[in-house]
PDB file of all heavy atoms in Angstrom:
ATOM      1  N   LEU A   1      13.161  -3.597   0.486  1.00  0.00           N
ATOM      2  CA  LEU A   1      13.096  -3.481  -0.971  1.00  0.00           C
ATOM      3  C   LEU A   1      11.653  -3.415  -1.459  1.00  0.00           C
ATOM      4  O   LEU A   1      11.342  -2.659  -2.391  1.00  0.00           O
ATOM      5  CB  LEU A   1      13.814  -4.663  -1.626  1.00  0.00           C
ATOM      6  CG  LEU A   1      15.326  -4.581  -1.630  1.00  0.00           C
ATOM      7  CD1 LEU A   1      15.927  -5.859  -2.218  1.00  0.00           C
ATOM      8  CD2 LEU A   1      15.800  -3.380  -2.409  1.00  0.00           C
ATOM      9  N   ILE A   2      10.770  -4.177  -0.848  1.00  0.00           N
ATOM     10  CA  ILE A   2       9.356  -4.115  -1.213  1.00  0.00           C
ATOM     11  C   ILE A   2       8.794  -2.726  -0.912  1.00  0.00           C
ATOM     12  O   ILE A   2       8.079  -2.146  -1.725  1.00  0.00           O
ATOM     13  CB  ILE A   2       8.555  -5.211  -0.480  1.00  0.00           C
ATOM     14  CG1 ILE A   2       8.918  -6.573  -1.045  1.00  0.00           C
ATOM     15  CG2 ILE A   2       7.057  -4.960  -0.600  1.00  0.00           C
ATOM     16  CD1 ILE A   2       8.316  -7.722  -0.280  1.00  0.00           C
ATOM     17  N   GLY A   3       9.119  -2.187   0.255  1.00  0.00           N
ATOM     18  CA  GLY A   3       8.648  -0.846   0.616  1.00  0.00           C
ATOM     19  C   GLY A   3       9.190   0.217  -0.317  1.00  0.00           C
ATOM     20  O   GLY A   3       8.459   1.134  -0.722  1.00  0.00           O
ATOM     21  N   LEU A   4      10.452   0.105  -0.683  1.00  0.00           N
ATOM     22  CA  LEU A   4      11.054   1.065  -1.601  1.00  0.00           C
ATOM     23  C   LEU A   4      10.411   0.976  -2.982  1.00  0.00           C
ATOM     24  O   LEU A   4      10.092   1.996  -3.597  1.00  0.00           O
ATOM     25  CB  LEU A   4      12.559   0.817  -1.704  1.00  0.00           C
ATOM     26  CG  LEU A   4      13.325   1.727  -2.650  1.00  0.00           C
ATOM     27  CD1 LEU A   4      13.273   3.163  -2.140  1.00  0.00           C
ATOM     28  CD2 LEU A   4      14.742   1.264  -2.787  1.00  0.00           C
ATOM     29  N   ALA A   5      10.202  -0.238  -3.468  1.00  0.00           N
ATOM     30  CA  ALA A   5       9.571  -0.414  -4.781  1.00  0.00           C
ATOM     31  C   ALA A   5       8.139   0.116  -4.774  1.00  0.00           C
ATOM     32  O   ALA A   5       7.691   0.739  -5.747  1.00  0.00           O
ATOM     33  CB  ALA A   5       9.600  -1.889  -5.177  1.00  0.00           C
ATOM     34  N   LEU A   6       7.427  -0.116  -3.684  1.00  0.00           N
ATOM     35  CA  LEU A   6       6.051   0.369  -3.584  1.00  0.00           C
ATOM     36  C   LEU A   6       6.011   1.899  -3.569  1.00  0.00           C
ATOM     37  O   LEU A   6       5.208   2.511  -4.279  1.00  0.00           O
ATOM     38  CB  LEU A   6       5.386  -0.192  -2.330  1.00  0.00           C
ATOM     39  CG  LEU A   6       3.938   0.172  -2.091  1.00  0.00           C
ATOM     40  CD1 LEU A   6       3.069  -0.388  -3.203  1.00  0.00           C
ATOM     41  CD2 LEU A   6       3.484  -0.365  -0.749  1.00  0.00           C
ATOM     42  N   ALA A   7       6.881   2.522  -2.797  1.00  0.00           N
ATOM     43  CA  ALA A   7       6.916   3.986  -2.738  1.00  0.00           C
ATOM     44  C   ALA A   7       7.309   4.575  -4.092  1.00  0.00           C
ATOM     45  O   ALA A   7       6.733   5.573  -4.540  1.00  0.00           O
ATOM     46  CB  ALA A   7       7.889   4.436  -1.655  1.00  0.00           C
ATOM     47  N   TRP A   8       8.277   3.954  -4.757  1.00  0.00           N
ATOM     48  CA  TRP A   8       8.689   4.442  -6.070  1.00  0.00           C
ATOM     49  C   TRP A   8       7.565   4.306  -7.090  1.00  0.00           C
ATOM     50  O   TRP A   8       7.330   5.204  -7.896  1.00  0.00           O
ATOM     51  CB  TRP A   8       9.921   3.681  -6.534  1.00  0.00           C
ATOM     52  CG  TRP A   8      10.384   4.120  -7.886  1.00  0.00           C
ATOM     53  CD1 TRP A   8      11.123   5.217  -8.176  1.00  0.00           C
ATOM     54  CD2 TRP A   8      10.097   3.485  -9.127  1.00  0.00           C
ATOM     55  NE1 TRP A   8      11.337   5.299  -9.528  1.00  0.00           N
ATOM     56  CE2 TRP A   8      10.717   4.241 -10.134  1.00  0.00           C
ATOM     57  CE3 TRP A   8       9.404   2.343  -9.485  1.00  0.00           C
ATOM     58  CZ2 TRP A   8      10.640   3.892 -11.474  1.00  0.00           C
ATOM     59  CZ3 TRP A   8       9.335   1.997 -10.820  1.00  0.00           C
ATOM     60  CH2 TRP A   8       9.943   2.764 -11.798  1.00  0.00           C
ATOM     61  N   ARG A   9       6.879   3.179  -7.058  1.00  0.00           N
ATOM     62  CA  ARG A   9       5.778   2.954  -8.010  1.00  0.00           C
ATOM     63  C   ARG A   9       4.645   3.965  -7.805  1.00  0.00           C
ATOM     64  O   ARG A   9       4.086   4.498  -8.763  1.00  0.00           O
ATOM     65  CB  ARG A   9       5.271   1.527  -7.826  1.00  0.00           C
ATOM     66  CG  ARG A   9       4.067   1.151  -8.590  1.00  0.00           C
ATOM     67  CD  ARG A   9       4.401   0.951 -10.035  1.00  0.00           C
ATOM     68  NE  ARG A   9       3.192   0.590 -10.750  1.00  0.00           N
ATOM     69  CZ  ARG A   9       3.159  -0.174 -11.791  1.00  0.00           C
ATOM     70  NH1 ARG A   9       4.271  -0.672 -12.258  1.00  0.00           N
ATOM     71  NH2 ARG A   9       2.038  -0.447 -12.380  1.00  0.00           N
ATOM     72  N   ILE A  10       4.311   4.224  -6.550  1.00  0.00           N
ATOM     73  CA  ILE A  10       3.256   5.188  -6.259  1.00  0.00           C
ATOM     74  C   ILE A  10       3.682   6.593  -6.679  1.00  0.00           C
ATOM     75  O   ILE A  10       2.897   7.349  -7.245  1.00  0.00           O
ATOM     76  CB  ILE A  10       2.869   5.127  -4.774  1.00  0.00           C
ATOM     77  CG1 ILE A  10       2.144   3.806  -4.505  1.00  0.00           C
ATOM     78  CG2 ILE A  10       2.009   6.305  -4.364  1.00  0.00           C
ATOM     79  CD1 ILE A  10       1.886   3.529  -3.054  1.00  0.00           C
ATOM     80  N   GLN A  11       4.934   6.943  -6.422  1.00  0.00           N
ATOM     81  CA  GLN A  11       5.423   8.274  -6.810  1.00  0.00           C
ATOM     82  C   GLN A  11       5.419   8.427  -8.320  1.00  0.00           C
ATOM     83  O   GLN A  11       5.000   9.457  -8.848  1.00  0.00           O
ATOM     84  CB  GLN A  11       6.826   8.499  -6.258  1.00  0.00           C
ATOM     85  CG  GLN A  11       7.443   9.819  -6.653  1.00  0.00           C
ATOM     86  CD  GLN A  11       6.681  11.018  -6.125  1.00  0.00           C
ATOM     87  OE1 GLN A  11       6.106  10.970  -5.060  1.00  0.00           O
ATOM     88  NE2 GLN A  11       6.686  12.102  -6.888  1.00  0.00           N
ATOM     89  N   ALA A  12       5.859   7.404  -9.036  1.00  0.00           N
ATOM     90  CA  ALA A  12       5.925   7.499 -10.494  1.00  0.00           C
ATOM     91  C   ALA A  12       4.537   7.523 -11.128  1.00  0.00           C
ATOM     92  O   ALA A  12       4.330   8.185 -12.147  1.00  0.00           O
ATOM     93  CB  ALA A  12       6.733   6.331 -11.053  1.00  0.00           C
ATOM     94  N   SER A  13       3.595   6.815 -10.530  1.00  0.00           N
ATOM     95  CA  SER A  13       2.264   6.718 -11.135  1.00  0.00           C
ATOM     96  C   SER A  13       1.354   7.881 -10.785  1.00  0.00           C
ATOM     97  O   SER A  13       0.621   8.380 -11.632  1.00  0.00           O
ATOM     98  CB  SER A  13       1.589   5.420 -10.697  1.00  0.00           C
ATOM     99  OG  SER A  13       2.329   4.312 -11.124  1.00  0.00           O
ATOM    100  N   TYR A  14       1.374   8.305  -9.519  1.00  0.00           N
ATOM    101  CA  TYR A  14       0.357   9.252  -9.045  1.00  0.00           C
ATOM    102  C   TYR A  14       0.900  10.604  -8.576  1.00  0.00           C
ATOM    103  O   TYR A  14       0.134  11.538  -8.418  1.00  0.00           O
ATOM    104  CB  TYR A  14      -0.447   8.627  -7.901  1.00  0.00           C
ATOM    105  CG  TYR A  14      -1.064   7.307  -8.268  1.00  0.00           C
ATOM    106  CD1 TYR A  14      -0.597   6.133  -7.705  1.00  0.00           C
ATOM    107  CD2 TYR A  14      -2.109   7.231  -9.177  1.00  0.00           C
ATOM    108  CE1 TYR A  14      -1.153   4.910  -8.040  1.00  0.00           C
ATOM    109  CE2 TYR A  14      -2.675   6.017  -9.522  1.00  0.00           C
ATOM    110  CZ  TYR A  14      -2.192   4.854  -8.946  1.00  0.00           C
ATOM    111  OH  TYR A  14      -2.739   3.654  -9.279  1.00  0.00           O
ATOM    112  N   SER A  15       2.176  10.722  -8.254  1.00  0.00           N
ATOM    113  CA  SER A  15       2.772  11.930  -7.664  1.00  0.00           C
ATOM    114  C   SER A  15       1.941  12.435  -6.482  1.00  0.00           C
ATOM    115  O   SER A  15       1.467  13.579  -6.482  1.00  0.00           O
ATOM    116  CB  SER A  15       2.917  13.029  -8.714  1.00  0.00           C
ATOM    117  OG  SER A  15       3.788  12.627  -9.730  1.00  0.00           O
ATOM    118  N   PRO A  16       1.771  11.604  -5.463  1.00  0.00           N
ATOM    119  CA  PRO A  16       0.926  11.989  -4.330  1.00  0.00           C
ATOM    120  C   PRO A  16       1.654  12.944  -3.385  1.00  0.00           C
ATOM    121  O   PRO A  16       2.870  13.124  -3.468  1.00  0.00           O
ATOM    122  CB  PRO A  16       0.663  10.661  -3.638  1.00  0.00           C
ATOM    123  CG  PRO A  16       1.891   9.884  -3.892  1.00  0.00           C
ATOM    124  CD  PRO A  16       2.327  10.265  -5.279  1.00  0.00           C
ATOM    125  N   PRO A  17       0.904  13.534  -2.434  1.00  0.00           N
ATOM    126  CA  PRO A  17       1.548  14.377  -1.421  1.00  0.00           C
ATOM    127  C   PRO A  17       2.367  13.528  -0.442  1.00  0.00           C
ATOM    128  O   PRO A  17       2.289  12.301  -0.433  1.00  0.00           O
ATOM    129  CB  PRO A  17       0.371  15.053  -0.715  1.00  0.00           C
ATOM    130  CG  PRO A  17      -0.820  14.241  -1.044  1.00  0.00           C
ATOM    131  CD  PRO A  17      -0.547  13.557  -2.335  1.00  0.00           C
ATOM    132  N   LEU A  18       3.127  14.223   0.376  1.00  0.00           N
ATOM    133  CA  LEU A  18       4.040  13.553   1.302  1.00  0.00           C
ATOM    134  C   LEU A  18       3.312  12.654   2.302  1.00  0.00           C
ATOM    135  O   LEU A  18       3.811  11.574   2.647  1.00  0.00           O
ATOM    136  CB  LEU A  18       4.863  14.613   2.061  1.00  0.00           C
ATOM    137  CG  LEU A  18       5.888  14.089   3.045  1.00  0.00           C
ATOM    138  CD1 LEU A  18       6.935  13.249   2.328  1.00  0.00           C
ATOM    139  CD2 LEU A  18       6.542  15.231   3.785  1.00  0.00           C
ATOM    140  N   TRP A  19       2.128  13.051   2.758  1.00  0.00           N
ATOM    141  CA  TRP A  19       1.433  12.251   3.764  1.00  0.00           C
ATOM    142  C   TRP A  19       1.072  10.867   3.243  1.00  0.00           C
ATOM    143  O   TRP A  19       1.003   9.908   4.010  1.00  0.00           O
ATOM    144  CB  TRP A  19       0.204  12.980   4.300  1.00  0.00           C
ATOM    145  CG  TRP A  19      -0.908  13.157   3.306  1.00  0.00           C
ATOM    146  CD1 TRP A  19      -1.103  14.224   2.486  1.00  0.00           C
ATOM    147  CD2 TRP A  19      -1.957  12.234   3.021  1.00  0.00           C
ATOM    148  NE1 TRP A  19      -2.206  14.024   1.702  1.00  0.00           N
ATOM    149  CE2 TRP A  19      -2.761  12.805   2.011  1.00  0.00           C
ATOM    150  CE3 TRP A  19      -2.298  10.987   3.521  1.00  0.00           C
ATOM    151  CZ2 TRP A  19      -3.871  12.163   1.496  1.00  0.00           C
ATOM    152  CZ3 TRP A  19      -3.418  10.348   3.007  1.00  0.00           C
ATOM    153  CH2 TRP A  19      -4.190  10.935   2.014  1.00  0.00           C
ATOM    154  N   VAL A  20       0.869  10.730   1.935  1.00  0.00           N
ATOM    155  CA  VAL A  20       0.568   9.414   1.364  1.00  0.00           C
ATOM    156  C   VAL A  20       1.798   8.512   1.462  1.00  0.00           C
ATOM    157  O   VAL A  20       1.697   7.336   1.810  1.00  0.00           O
ATOM    158  CB  VAL A  20       0.084   9.545  -0.094  1.00  0.00           C
ATOM    159  CG1 VAL A  20      -0.108   8.184  -0.738  1.00  0.00           C
ATOM    160  CG2 VAL A  20      -1.187  10.350  -0.154  1.00  0.00           C
ATOM    161  N   HIS A  21       2.966   9.076   1.189  1.00  0.00           N
ATOM    162  CA  HIS A  21       4.201   8.293   1.324  1.00  0.00           C
ATOM    163  C   HIS A  21       4.417   7.868   2.775  1.00  0.00           C
ATOM    164  O   HIS A  21       4.841   6.740   3.040  1.00  0.00           O
ATOM    165  CB  HIS A  21       5.398   9.080   0.813  1.00  0.00           C
ATOM    166  CG  HIS A  21       5.487   9.134  -0.671  1.00  0.00           C
ATOM    167  ND1 HIS A  21       5.703   8.025  -1.450  1.00  0.00           N
ATOM    168  CD2 HIS A  21       5.365  10.173  -1.529  1.00  0.00           C
ATOM    169  CE1 HIS A  21       5.729   8.377  -2.714  1.00  0.00           C
ATOM    170  NE2 HIS A  21       5.521   9.682  -2.789  1.00  0.00           N
ATOM    171  N   LEU A  22       4.154   8.769   3.712  1.00  0.00           N
ATOM    172  CA  LEU A  22       4.305   8.415   5.122  1.00  0.00           C
ATOM    173  C   LEU A  22       3.313   7.331   5.531  1.00  0.00           C
ATOM    174  O   LEU A  22       3.643   6.435   6.304  1.00  0.00           O
ATOM    175  CB  LEU A  22       4.136   9.653   6.004  1.00  0.00           C
ATOM    176  CG  LEU A  22       5.244  10.681   5.906  1.00  0.00           C
ATOM    177  CD1 LEU A  22       4.910  11.897   6.760  1.00  0.00           C
ATOM    178  CD2 LEU A  22       6.561  10.091   6.308  1.00  0.00           C
ATOM    179  N   PHE A  23       2.123   7.394   4.999  1.00  0.00           N
ATOM    180  CA  PHE A  23       1.100   6.402   5.310  1.00  0.00           C
ATOM    181  C   PHE A  23       1.483   5.021   4.783  1.00  0.00           C
ATOM    182  O   PHE A  23       1.169   4.003   5.386  1.00  0.00           O
ATOM    183  CB  PHE A  23      -0.241   6.849   4.713  1.00  0.00           C
ATOM    184  CG  PHE A  23      -1.374   5.922   5.013  1.00  0.00           C
ATOM    185  CD1 PHE A  23      -1.918   5.856   6.285  1.00  0.00           C
ATOM    186  CD2 PHE A  23      -1.897   5.104   4.027  1.00  0.00           C
ATOM    187  CE1 PHE A  23      -2.965   5.000   6.564  1.00  0.00           C
ATOM    188  CE2 PHE A  23      -2.949   4.255   4.288  1.00  0.00           C
ATOM    189  CZ  PHE A  23      -3.481   4.197   5.569  1.00  0.00           C
ATOM    190  N   ILE A  24       2.201   4.983   3.667  1.00  0.00           N
ATOM    191  CA  ILE A  24       2.589   3.708   3.058  1.00  0.00           C
ATOM    192  C   ILE A  24       3.958   3.241   3.549  1.00  0.00           C
ATOM    193  O   ILE A  24       4.148   2.078   3.892  1.00  0.00           O
ATOM    194  CB  ILE A  24       2.575   3.832   1.524  1.00  0.00           C
ATOM    195  CG1 ILE A  24       1.128   4.027   1.061  1.00  0.00           C
ATOM    196  CG2 ILE A  24       3.197   2.621   0.862  1.00  0.00           C
ATOM    197  CD1 ILE A  24       0.998   4.388  -0.377  1.00  0.00           C
ATOM    198  N   ALA A  25       4.932   4.144   3.590  1.00  0.00           N
ATOM    199  CA  ALA A  25       6.301   3.744   3.907  1.00  0.00           C
ATOM    200  C   ALA A  25       6.531   3.547   5.398  1.00  0.00           C
ATOM    201  O   ALA A  25       7.316   2.683   5.791  1.00  0.00           O
ATOM    202  CB  ALA A  25       7.282   4.774   3.370  1.00  0.00           C
ATOM    203  N   LEU A  26       5.875   4.312   6.233  1.00  0.00           N
ATOM    204  CA  LEU A  26       6.110   4.216   7.673  1.00  0.00           C
ATOM    205  C   LEU A  26       5.774   2.832   8.236  1.00  0.00           C
ATOM    206  O   LEU A  26       6.585   2.274   8.985  1.00  0.00           O
ATOM    207  CB  LEU A  26       5.348   5.315   8.409  1.00  0.00           C
ATOM    208  CG  LEU A  26       5.729   5.541   9.854  1.00  0.00           C
ATOM    209  CD1 LEU A  26       7.189   5.923   9.966  1.00  0.00           C
ATOM    210  CD2 LEU A  26       4.859   6.618  10.470  1.00  0.00           C
ATOM    211  N   PRO A  27       4.648   2.228   7.899  1.00  0.00           N
ATOM    212  CA  PRO A  27       4.403   0.871   8.404  1.00  0.00           C
ATOM    213  C   PRO A  27       5.440  -0.150   7.923  1.00  0.00           C
ATOM    214  O   PRO A  27       5.818  -1.056   8.665  1.00  0.00           O
ATOM    215  CB  PRO A  27       3.014   0.525   7.862  1.00  0.00           C
ATOM    216  CG  PRO A  27       2.366   1.816   7.617  1.00  0.00           C
ATOM    217  CD  PRO A  27       3.463   2.755   7.216  1.00  0.00           C
ATOM    218  N   THR A  28       5.925   0.017   6.700  1.00  0.00           N
ATOM    219  CA  THR A  28       6.938  -0.905   6.180  1.00  0.00           C
ATOM    220  C   THR A  28       8.238  -0.776   6.965  1.00  0.00           C
ATOM    221  O   THR A  28       8.842  -1.776   7.353  1.00  0.00           O
ATOM    222  CB  THR A  28       7.186  -0.626   4.692  1.00  0.00           C
ATOM    223  OG1 THR A  28       5.946  -0.657   4.001  1.00  0.00           O
ATOM    224  CG2 THR A  28       8.127  -1.638   4.092  1.00  0.00           C
ATOM    225  N   VAL A  29       8.656   0.445   7.223  1.00  0.00           N
ATOM    226  CA  VAL A  29       9.885   0.669   7.981  1.00  0.00           C
ATOM    227  C   VAL A  29       9.731   0.184   9.423  1.00  0.00           C
ATOM    228  O   VAL A  29      10.632  -0.457   9.974  1.00  0.00           O
ATOM    229  CB  VAL A  29      10.274   2.164   7.935  1.00  0.00           C
ATOM    230  CG1 VAL A  29      11.402   2.468   8.886  1.00  0.00           C
ATOM    231  CG2 VAL A  29      10.636   2.567   6.523  1.00  0.00           C
ATOM    232  N   LEU A  30       8.594   0.461  10.020  1.00  0.00           N
ATOM    233  CA  LEU A  30       8.359  -0.003  11.391  1.00  0.00           C
ATOM    234  C   LEU A  30       8.342  -1.533  11.475  1.00  0.00           C
ATOM    235  O   LEU A  30       8.843  -2.116  12.436  1.00  0.00           O
ATOM    236  CB  LEU A  30       7.059   0.573  11.937  1.00  0.00           C
ATOM    237  CG  LEU A  30       7.074   2.064  12.245  1.00  0.00           C
ATOM    238  CD1 LEU A  30       5.698   2.530  12.700  1.00  0.00           C
ATOM    239  CD2 LEU A  30       8.121   2.381  13.295  1.00  0.00           C
ATOM    240  N   MET A  31       7.784  -2.186  10.461  1.00  0.00           N
ATOM    241  CA  MET A  31       7.770  -3.642  10.446  1.00  0.00           C
ATOM    242  C   MET A  31       9.198  -4.187  10.373  1.00  0.00           C
ATOM    243  O   MET A  31       9.542  -5.138  11.068  1.00  0.00           O
ATOM    244  CB  MET A  31       6.950  -4.162   9.263  1.00  0.00           C
ATOM    245  CG  MET A  31       6.780  -5.645   9.291  1.00  0.00           C
ATOM    246  SD  MET A  31       5.825  -6.403   7.953  1.00  0.00           S
ATOM    247  CE  MET A  31       5.222  -5.105   6.973  1.00  0.00           C
ATOM    248  N   ALA A  32      10.036  -3.578   9.556  1.00  0.00           N
ATOM    249  CA  ALA A  32      11.425  -4.014   9.457  1.00  0.00           C
ATOM    250  C   ALA A  32      12.162  -3.789  10.776  1.00  0.00           C
ATOM    251  O   ALA A  32      12.947  -4.630  11.210  1.00  0.00           O
ATOM    252  CB  ALA A  32      12.129  -3.279   8.323  1.00  0.00           C
ATOM    253  N   CYS A  33      11.893  -2.666  11.438  1.00  0.00           N
ATOM    254  CA  CYS A  33      12.532  -2.393  12.733  1.00  0.00           C
ATOM    255  C   CYS A  33      12.066  -3.374  13.796  1.00  0.00           C
ATOM    256  O   CYS A  33      12.870  -3.857  14.605  1.00  0.00           O
ATOM    257  CB  CYS A  33      12.235  -0.967  13.185  1.00  0.00           C
ATOM    258  SG  CYS A  33      13.031   0.277  12.180  1.00  0.00           S
ATOM    259  N   LEU A  34      10.786  -3.682  13.807  1.00  0.00           N
ATOM    260  CA  LEU A  34      10.275  -4.640  14.783  1.00  0.00           C
ATOM    261  C   LEU A  34      10.824  -6.036  14.530  1.00  0.00           C
ATOM    262  O   LEU A  34      11.079  -6.777  15.478  1.00  0.00           O
ATOM    263  CB  LEU A  34       8.747  -4.653  14.769  1.00  0.00           C
ATOM    264  CG  LEU A  34       8.080  -3.409  15.345  1.00  0.00           C
ATOM    265  CD1 LEU A  34       6.570  -3.498  15.169  1.00  0.00           C
ATOM    266  CD2 LEU A  34       8.435  -3.229  16.807  1.00  0.00           C
ATOM    267  N   LEU A  35      11.030  -6.396  13.270  1.00  0.00           N
ATOM    268  CA  LEU A  35      11.644  -7.686  12.976  1.00  0.00           C
ATOM    269  C   LEU A  35      13.066  -7.739  13.513  1.00  0.00           C
ATOM    270  O   LEU A  35      13.509  -8.763  14.009  1.00  0.00           O
ATOM    271  CB  LEU A  35      11.640  -7.947  11.471  1.00  0.00           C
ATOM    272  CG  LEU A  35      10.339  -8.451  10.883  1.00  0.00           C
ATOM    273  CD1 LEU A  35      10.449  -8.527   9.371  1.00  0.00           C
ATOM    274  CD2 LEU A  35       9.988  -9.807  11.447  1.00  0.00           C
ATOM    275  N   ARG A  36      13.781  -6.633  13.406  1.00  0.00           N
ATOM    276  CA  ARG A  36      15.148  -6.592  13.925  1.00  0.00           C
ATOM    277  C   ARG A  36      15.149  -6.747  15.448  1.00  0.00           C
ATOM    278  O   ARG A  36      15.970  -7.480  16.005  1.00  0.00           O
ATOM    279  CB  ARG A  36      15.820  -5.283  13.515  1.00  0.00           C
ATOM    280  CG  ARG A  36      17.245  -5.170  13.921  1.00  0.00           C
ATOM    281  CD  ARG A  36      18.072  -6.196  13.201  1.00  0.00           C
ATOM    282  NE  ARG A  36      19.455  -6.083  13.622  1.00  0.00           N
ATOM    283  CZ  ARG A  36      20.303  -7.096  13.607  1.00  0.00           C
ATOM    284  NH1 ARG A  36      19.939  -8.254  13.174  1.00  0.00           N
ATOM    285  NH2 ARG A  36      21.523  -6.922  14.002  1.00  0.00           N
ATOM    286  N   LEU A  37      14.229  -6.059  16.124  1.00  0.00           N
ATOM    287  CA  LEU A  37      14.142  -6.200  17.582  1.00  0.00           C
ATOM    288  C   LEU A  37      13.720  -7.607  17.976  1.00  0.00           C
ATOM    289  O   LEU A  37      14.254  -8.177  18.922  1.00  0.00           O
ATOM    290  CB  LEU A  37      13.156  -5.177  18.143  1.00  0.00           C
ATOM    291  CG  LEU A  37      13.577  -3.721  18.071  1.00  0.00           C
ATOM    292  CD1 LEU A  37      12.440  -2.829  18.525  1.00  0.00           C
ATOM    293  CD2 LEU A  37      14.811  -3.486  18.889  1.00  0.00           C
TER     294      LEU A  37
END
């Protein structure tokens, strides 16, 4: 939820390119996956 809120906030405020979303969202998703493992 934190990662989703952060990505939404960045998209709404700045409309960045896709690589910015990957740079921000990918570590959040990987952290959640590593916690599951």
